[in-house]
PDB file of N, CA and C in Angstrom:
ATOM      1  N   MET A   1     110.553   4.948 -41.423  1.00  0.00           N
ATOM      2  CA  MET A   1     109.909   6.140 -40.926  1.00  0.00           C
ATOM      3  C   MET A   1     108.595   6.325 -41.677  1.00  0.00           C
ATOM      4  N   ASP A   2     107.581   6.713 -40.980  1.00  0.00           N
ATOM      5  CA  ASP A   2     106.262   6.956 -41.541  1.00  0.00           C
ATOM      6  C   ASP A   2     105.809   8.324 -41.047  1.00  0.00           C
ATOM      7  N   ILE A   3     105.578   9.249 -41.983  1.00  0.00           N
ATOM      8  CA  ILE A   3     105.166  10.605 -41.625  1.00  0.00           C
ATOM      9  C   ILE A   3     103.763  10.840 -42.174  1.00  0.00           C
ATOM     10  N   GLN A   4     102.843  11.243 -41.325  1.00  0.00           N
ATOM     11  CA  GLN A   4     101.460  11.498 -41.719  1.00  0.00           C
ATOM     12  C   GLN A   4     101.128  12.957 -41.450  1.00  0.00           C
ATOM     13  N   CYS A   5     100.550  13.635 -42.439  1.00  0.00           N
ATOM     14  CA  CYS A   5     100.031  14.982 -42.216  1.00  0.00           C
ATOM     15  C   CYS A   5      98.648  15.055 -42.860  1.00  0.00           C
ATOM     16  N   SER A   6      98.035  16.195 -42.860  1.00  0.00           N
ATOM     17  CA  SER A   6      96.649  16.280 -43.316  1.00  0.00           C
ATOM     18  C   SER A   6      96.466  15.977 -44.800  1.00  0.00           C
ATOM     19  N   LYS A   7      97.493  16.215 -45.649  1.00  0.00           N
ATOM     20  CA  LYS A   7      97.325  16.022 -47.085  1.00  0.00           C
ATOM     21  C   LYS A   7      98.150  14.890 -47.668  1.00  0.00           C
ATOM     22  N   ALA A   8      99.095  14.368 -46.922  1.00  0.00           N
ATOM     23  CA  ALA A   8      99.972  13.350 -47.501  1.00  0.00           C
ATOM     24  C   ALA A   8     100.526  12.422 -46.434  1.00  0.00           C
ATOM     25  N   ARG A   9     101.035  11.298 -46.920  1.00  0.00           N
ATOM     26  CA  ARG A   9     101.717  10.336 -46.051  1.00  0.00           C
ATOM     27  C   ARG A   9     103.017   9.959 -46.744  1.00  0.00           C
ATOM     28  N   ILE A  10     104.104  10.023 -46.031  1.00  0.00           N
ATOM     29  CA  ILE A  10     105.415   9.653 -46.573  1.00  0.00           C
ATOM     30  C   ILE A  10     105.884   8.406 -45.839  1.00  0.00           C
ATOM     31  N   PHE A  11     106.240   7.373 -46.618  1.00  0.00           N
ATOM     32  CA  PHE A  11     106.654   6.108 -46.017  1.00  0.00           C
ATOM     33  C   PHE A  11     107.623   5.410 -46.966  1.00  0.00           C
ATOM     34  N   PRO A  12     108.399   4.469 -46.482  1.00  0.00           N
ATOM     35  CA  PRO A  12     109.337   3.738 -47.339  1.00  0.00           C
ATOM     36  C   PRO A  12     108.595   2.952 -48.426  1.00  0.00           C
ATOM     37  N   TRP A  13     109.203   2.879 -49.600  1.00  0.00           N
ATOM     38  CA  TRP A  13     108.614   2.118 -50.705  1.00  0.00           C
ATOM     39  C   TRP A  13     108.548   0.638 -50.367  1.00  0.00           C
ATOM     40  N   GLN A  14     107.467   0.011 -50.844  1.00  0.00           N
ATOM     41  CA  GLN A  14     107.293  -1.426 -50.707  1.00  0.00           C
ATOM     42  C   GLN A  14     106.960  -1.982 -52.084  1.00  0.00           C
ATOM     43  N   THR A  15     107.218  -3.239 -52.305  1.00  0.00           N
ATOM     44  CA  THR A  15     106.914  -3.872 -53.581  1.00  0.00           C
ATOM     45  C   THR A  15     105.454  -3.681 -53.966  1.00  0.00           C
ATOM     46  N   SER A  16     104.587  -3.696 -52.997  1.00  0.00           N
ATOM     47  CA  SER A  16     103.156  -3.540 -53.275  1.00  0.00           C
ATOM     48  C   SER A  16     102.793  -2.145 -53.782  1.00  0.00           C
ATOM     49  N   ASP A  17     103.718  -1.186 -53.721  1.00  0.00           N
ATOM     50  CA  ASP A  17     103.477   0.178 -54.203  1.00  0.00           C
ATOM     51  C   ASP A  17     103.728   0.326 -55.697  1.00  0.00           C
ATOM     52  N   LYS A  18     104.226  -0.719 -56.348  1.00  0.00           N
ATOM     53  CA  LYS A  18     104.655  -0.612 -57.737  1.00  0.00           C
ATOM     54  C   LYS A  18     103.563  -0.113 -58.675  1.00  0.00           C
ATOM     55  N   SER A  19     102.373  -0.656 -58.617  1.00  0.00           N
ATOM     56  CA  SER A  19     101.320  -0.242 -59.563  1.00  0.00           C
ATOM     57  C   SER A  19     100.941   1.228 -59.362  1.00  0.00           C
ATOM     58  N   SER A  20     100.902   1.665 -58.131  1.00  0.00           N
ATOM     59  CA  SER A  20     100.608   3.076 -57.859  1.00  0.00           C
ATOM     60  C   SER A  20     101.743   3.968 -58.353  1.00  0.00           C
ATOM     61  N   LEU A  21     102.969   3.540 -58.145  1.00  0.00           N
ATOM     62  CA  LEU A  21     104.129   4.288 -58.627  1.00  0.00           C
ATOM     63  C   LEU A  21     104.062   4.457 -60.141  1.00  0.00           C
ATOM     64  N   VAL A  22     103.815   3.369 -60.857  1.00  0.00           N
ATOM     65  CA  VAL A  22     103.740   3.426 -62.320  1.00  0.00           C
ATOM     66  C   VAL A  22     102.607   4.354 -62.750  1.00  0.00           C
ATOM     67  N   GLN A  23     101.473   4.245 -62.122  1.00  0.00           N
ATOM     68  CA  GLN A  23     100.329   5.078 -62.473  1.00  0.00           C
ATOM     69  C   GLN A  23     100.666   6.564 -62.339  1.00  0.00           C
ATOM     70  N   HIS A  24     101.285   6.941 -61.241  1.00  0.00           N
ATOM     71  CA  HIS A  24     101.552   8.358 -60.986  1.00  0.00           C
ATOM     72  C   HIS A  24     102.831   8.855 -61.663  1.00  0.00           C
ATOM     73  N   ALA A  25     103.826   8.006 -61.811  1.00  0.00           N
ATOM     74  CA  ALA A  25     105.082   8.419 -62.443  1.00  0.00           C
ATOM     75  C   ALA A  25     104.960   8.497 -63.958  1.00  0.00           C
ATOM     76  N   ASN A  26     103.993   7.801 -64.531  1.00  0.00           N
ATOM     77  CA  ASN A  26     103.807   7.812 -65.975  1.00  0.00           C
ATOM     78  C   ASN A  26     103.015   9.057 -66.376  1.00  0.00           C
ATOM     79  N   SER A  27     103.532  10.192 -66.011  1.00  0.00           N
ATOM     80  CA  SER A  27     102.899  11.477 -66.293  1.00  0.00           C
ATOM     81  C   SER A  27     103.895  12.361 -67.028  1.00  0.00           C
ATOM     82  N   ARG A  28     103.458  12.954 -68.121  1.00  0.00           N
ATOM     83  CA  ARG A  28     104.344  13.842 -68.864  1.00  0.00           C
ATOM     84  C   ARG A  28     104.765  15.031 -67.986  1.00  0.00           C
ATOM     85  N   ASP A  29     103.895  15.481 -67.108  1.00  0.00           N
ATOM     86  CA  ASP A  29     104.239  16.594 -66.221  1.00  0.00           C
ATOM     87  C   ASP A  29     105.385  16.226 -65.280  1.00  0.00           C
ATOM     88  N   ILE A  30     105.374  14.998 -64.763  1.00  0.00           N
ATOM     89  CA  ILE A  30     106.479  14.536 -63.911  1.00  0.00           C
ATOM     90  C   ILE A  30     107.760  14.501 -64.729  1.00  0.00           C
ATOM     91  N   TRP A  31     107.674  13.903 -65.904  1.00  0.00           N
ATOM     92  CA  TRP A  31     108.845  13.767 -66.758  1.00  0.00           C
ATOM     93  C   TRP A  31     109.411  15.131 -67.146  1.00  0.00           C
ATOM     94  N   ARG A  32     108.554  16.098 -67.460  1.00  0.00           N
ATOM     95  CA  ARG A  32     109.025  17.434 -67.854  1.00  0.00           C
ATOM     96  C   ARG A  32     109.809  18.102 -66.734  1.00  0.00           C
ATOM     97  N   ASN A  33     109.460  17.818 -65.485  1.00  0.00           N
ATOM     98  CA  ASN A  33     110.155  18.430 -64.351  1.00  0.00           C
ATOM     99  C   ASN A  33     111.370  17.628 -63.900  1.00  0.00           C
ATOM    100  N   LEU A  34     111.469  16.369 -64.328  1.00  0.00           N
ATOM    101  CA  LEU A  34     112.590  15.509 -63.944  1.00  0.00           C
ATOM    102  C   LEU A  34     113.168  14.803 -65.171  1.00  0.00           C
ATOM    103  N   PRO A  35     113.485  15.518 -66.245  1.00  0.00           N
ATOM    104  CA  PRO A  35     113.878  14.859 -67.491  1.00  0.00           C
ATOM    105  C   PRO A  35     115.146  14.016 -67.378  1.00  0.00           C
ATOM    106  N   ASP A  36     116.035  14.326 -66.445  1.00  0.00           N
ATOM    107  CA  ASP A  36     117.265  13.540 -66.288  1.00  0.00           C
ATOM    108  C   ASP A  36     117.094  12.367 -65.340  1.00  0.00           C
ATOM    109  N   ALA A  37     115.948  12.288 -64.662  1.00  0.00           N
ATOM    110  CA  ALA A  37     115.770  11.256 -63.649  1.00  0.00           C
ATOM    111  C   ALA A  37     114.682  10.240 -63.965  1.00  0.00           C
ATOM    112  N   PHE A  38     113.693  10.637 -64.763  1.00  0.00           N
ATOM    113  CA  PHE A  38     112.562   9.747 -65.036  1.00  0.00           C
ATOM    114  C   PHE A  38     112.433   9.466 -66.517  1.00  0.00           C
ATOM    115  N   PRO A  39     112.263   8.197 -66.877  1.00  0.00           N
ATOM    116  CA  PRO A  39     111.960   7.880 -68.269  1.00  0.00           C
ATOM    117  C   PRO A  39     110.478   8.167 -68.549  1.00  0.00           C
ATOM    118  N   HIS A  40     110.155   8.387 -69.811  1.00  0.00           N
ATOM    119  CA  HIS A  40     108.746   8.546 -70.192  1.00  0.00           C
ATOM    120  C   HIS A  40     108.535   7.854 -71.515  1.00  0.00           C
ATOM    121  N   PRO A  41     107.578   6.963 -71.650  1.00  0.00           N
ATOM    122  CA  PRO A  41     106.617   6.568 -70.622  1.00  0.00           C
ATOM    123  C   PRO A  41     107.273   5.749 -69.515  1.00  0.00           C
ATOM    124  N   TYR A  42     106.712   5.823 -68.344  1.00  0.00           N
ATOM    125  CA  TYR A  42     107.188   5.080 -67.171  1.00  0.00           C
ATOM    126  C   TYR A  42     106.399   3.782 -67.088  1.00  0.00           C
ATOM    127  N   THR A  43     107.095   2.667 -67.114  1.00  0.00           N
ATOM    128  CA  THR A  43     106.441   1.350 -67.204  1.00  0.00           C
ATOM    129  C   THR A  43     106.696   0.491 -65.964  1.00  0.00           C
ATOM    130  N   ASP A  44     106.036  -0.659 -65.927  1.00  0.00           N
ATOM    131  CA  ASP A  44     106.289  -1.637 -64.854  1.00  0.00           C
ATOM    132  C   ASP A  44     107.763  -2.012 -64.811  1.00  0.00           C
ATOM    133  N   GLN A  45     108.369  -2.154 -65.980  1.00  0.00           N
ATOM    134  CA  GLN A  45     109.788  -2.528 -66.038  1.00  0.00           C
ATOM    135  C   GLN A  45     110.660  -1.443 -65.409  1.00  0.00           C
ATOM    136  N   ASN A  46     110.339  -0.168 -65.634  1.00  0.00           N
ATOM    137  CA  ASN A  46     111.092   0.911 -64.996  1.00  0.00           C
ATOM    138  C   ASN A  46     110.998   0.814 -63.479  1.00  0.00           C
ATOM    139  N   ALA A  47     109.799   0.573 -62.978  1.00  0.00           N
ATOM    140  CA  ALA A  47     109.610   0.453 -61.531  1.00  0.00           C
ATOM    141  C   ALA A  47     110.359  -0.754 -60.988  1.00  0.00           C
ATOM    142  N   GLU A  48     110.366  -1.837 -61.742  1.00  0.00           N
ATOM    143  CA  GLU A  48     111.037  -3.056 -61.329  1.00  0.00           C
ATOM    144  C   GLU A  48     112.544  -2.839 -61.157  1.00  0.00           C
ATOM    145  N   PHE A  49     113.127  -2.002 -62.008  1.00  0.00           N
ATOM    146  CA  PHE A  49     114.569  -1.770 -61.967  1.00  0.00           C
ATOM    147  C   PHE A  49     114.951  -0.555 -61.140  1.00  0.00           C
ATOM    148  N   GLY A  50     113.992   0.050 -60.451  1.00  0.00           N
ATOM    149  CA  GLY A  50     114.311   1.121 -59.502  1.00  0.00           C
ATOM    150  C   GLY A  50     114.541   2.484 -60.100  1.00  0.00           C
ATOM    151  N   TYR A  51     113.946   2.780 -61.273  1.00  0.00           N
ATOM    152  CA  TYR A  51     114.146   4.093 -61.863  1.00  0.00           C
ATOM    153  C   TYR A  51     113.479   5.199 -61.076  1.00  0.00           C
ATOM    154  N   TRP A  52     112.679   4.880 -60.091  1.00  0.00           N
ATOM    155  CA  TRP A  52     112.103   5.907 -59.224  1.00  0.00           C
ATOM    156  C   TRP A  52     113.177   6.507 -58.322  1.00  0.00           C
ATOM    157  N   LEU A  53     114.324   5.848 -58.253  1.00  0.00           N
ATOM    158  CA  LEU A  53     115.403   6.373 -57.413  1.00  0.00           C
ATOM    159  C   LEU A  53     116.080   7.597 -58.022  1.00  0.00           C
ATOM    160  N   GLY A  54     115.919   7.762 -59.327  1.00  0.00           N
ATOM    161  CA  GLY A  54     116.504   8.923 -60.000  1.00  0.00           C
ATOM    162  C   GLY A  54     117.920   8.753 -60.403  1.00  0.00           C
TER     163      GLY A  54
END
């Protein structure tokens, strides 16, 4: 499923999204709001093992 609106696009994760995921997930603000679901710092290895799943 691919959902497009004026400010965002929601689509299934692909391997090519990994670098963007790491860049945006490696945020202390994200971690503070999801302390039980996200490691901090968030690394390539975290993305590789699917820690974005929570």
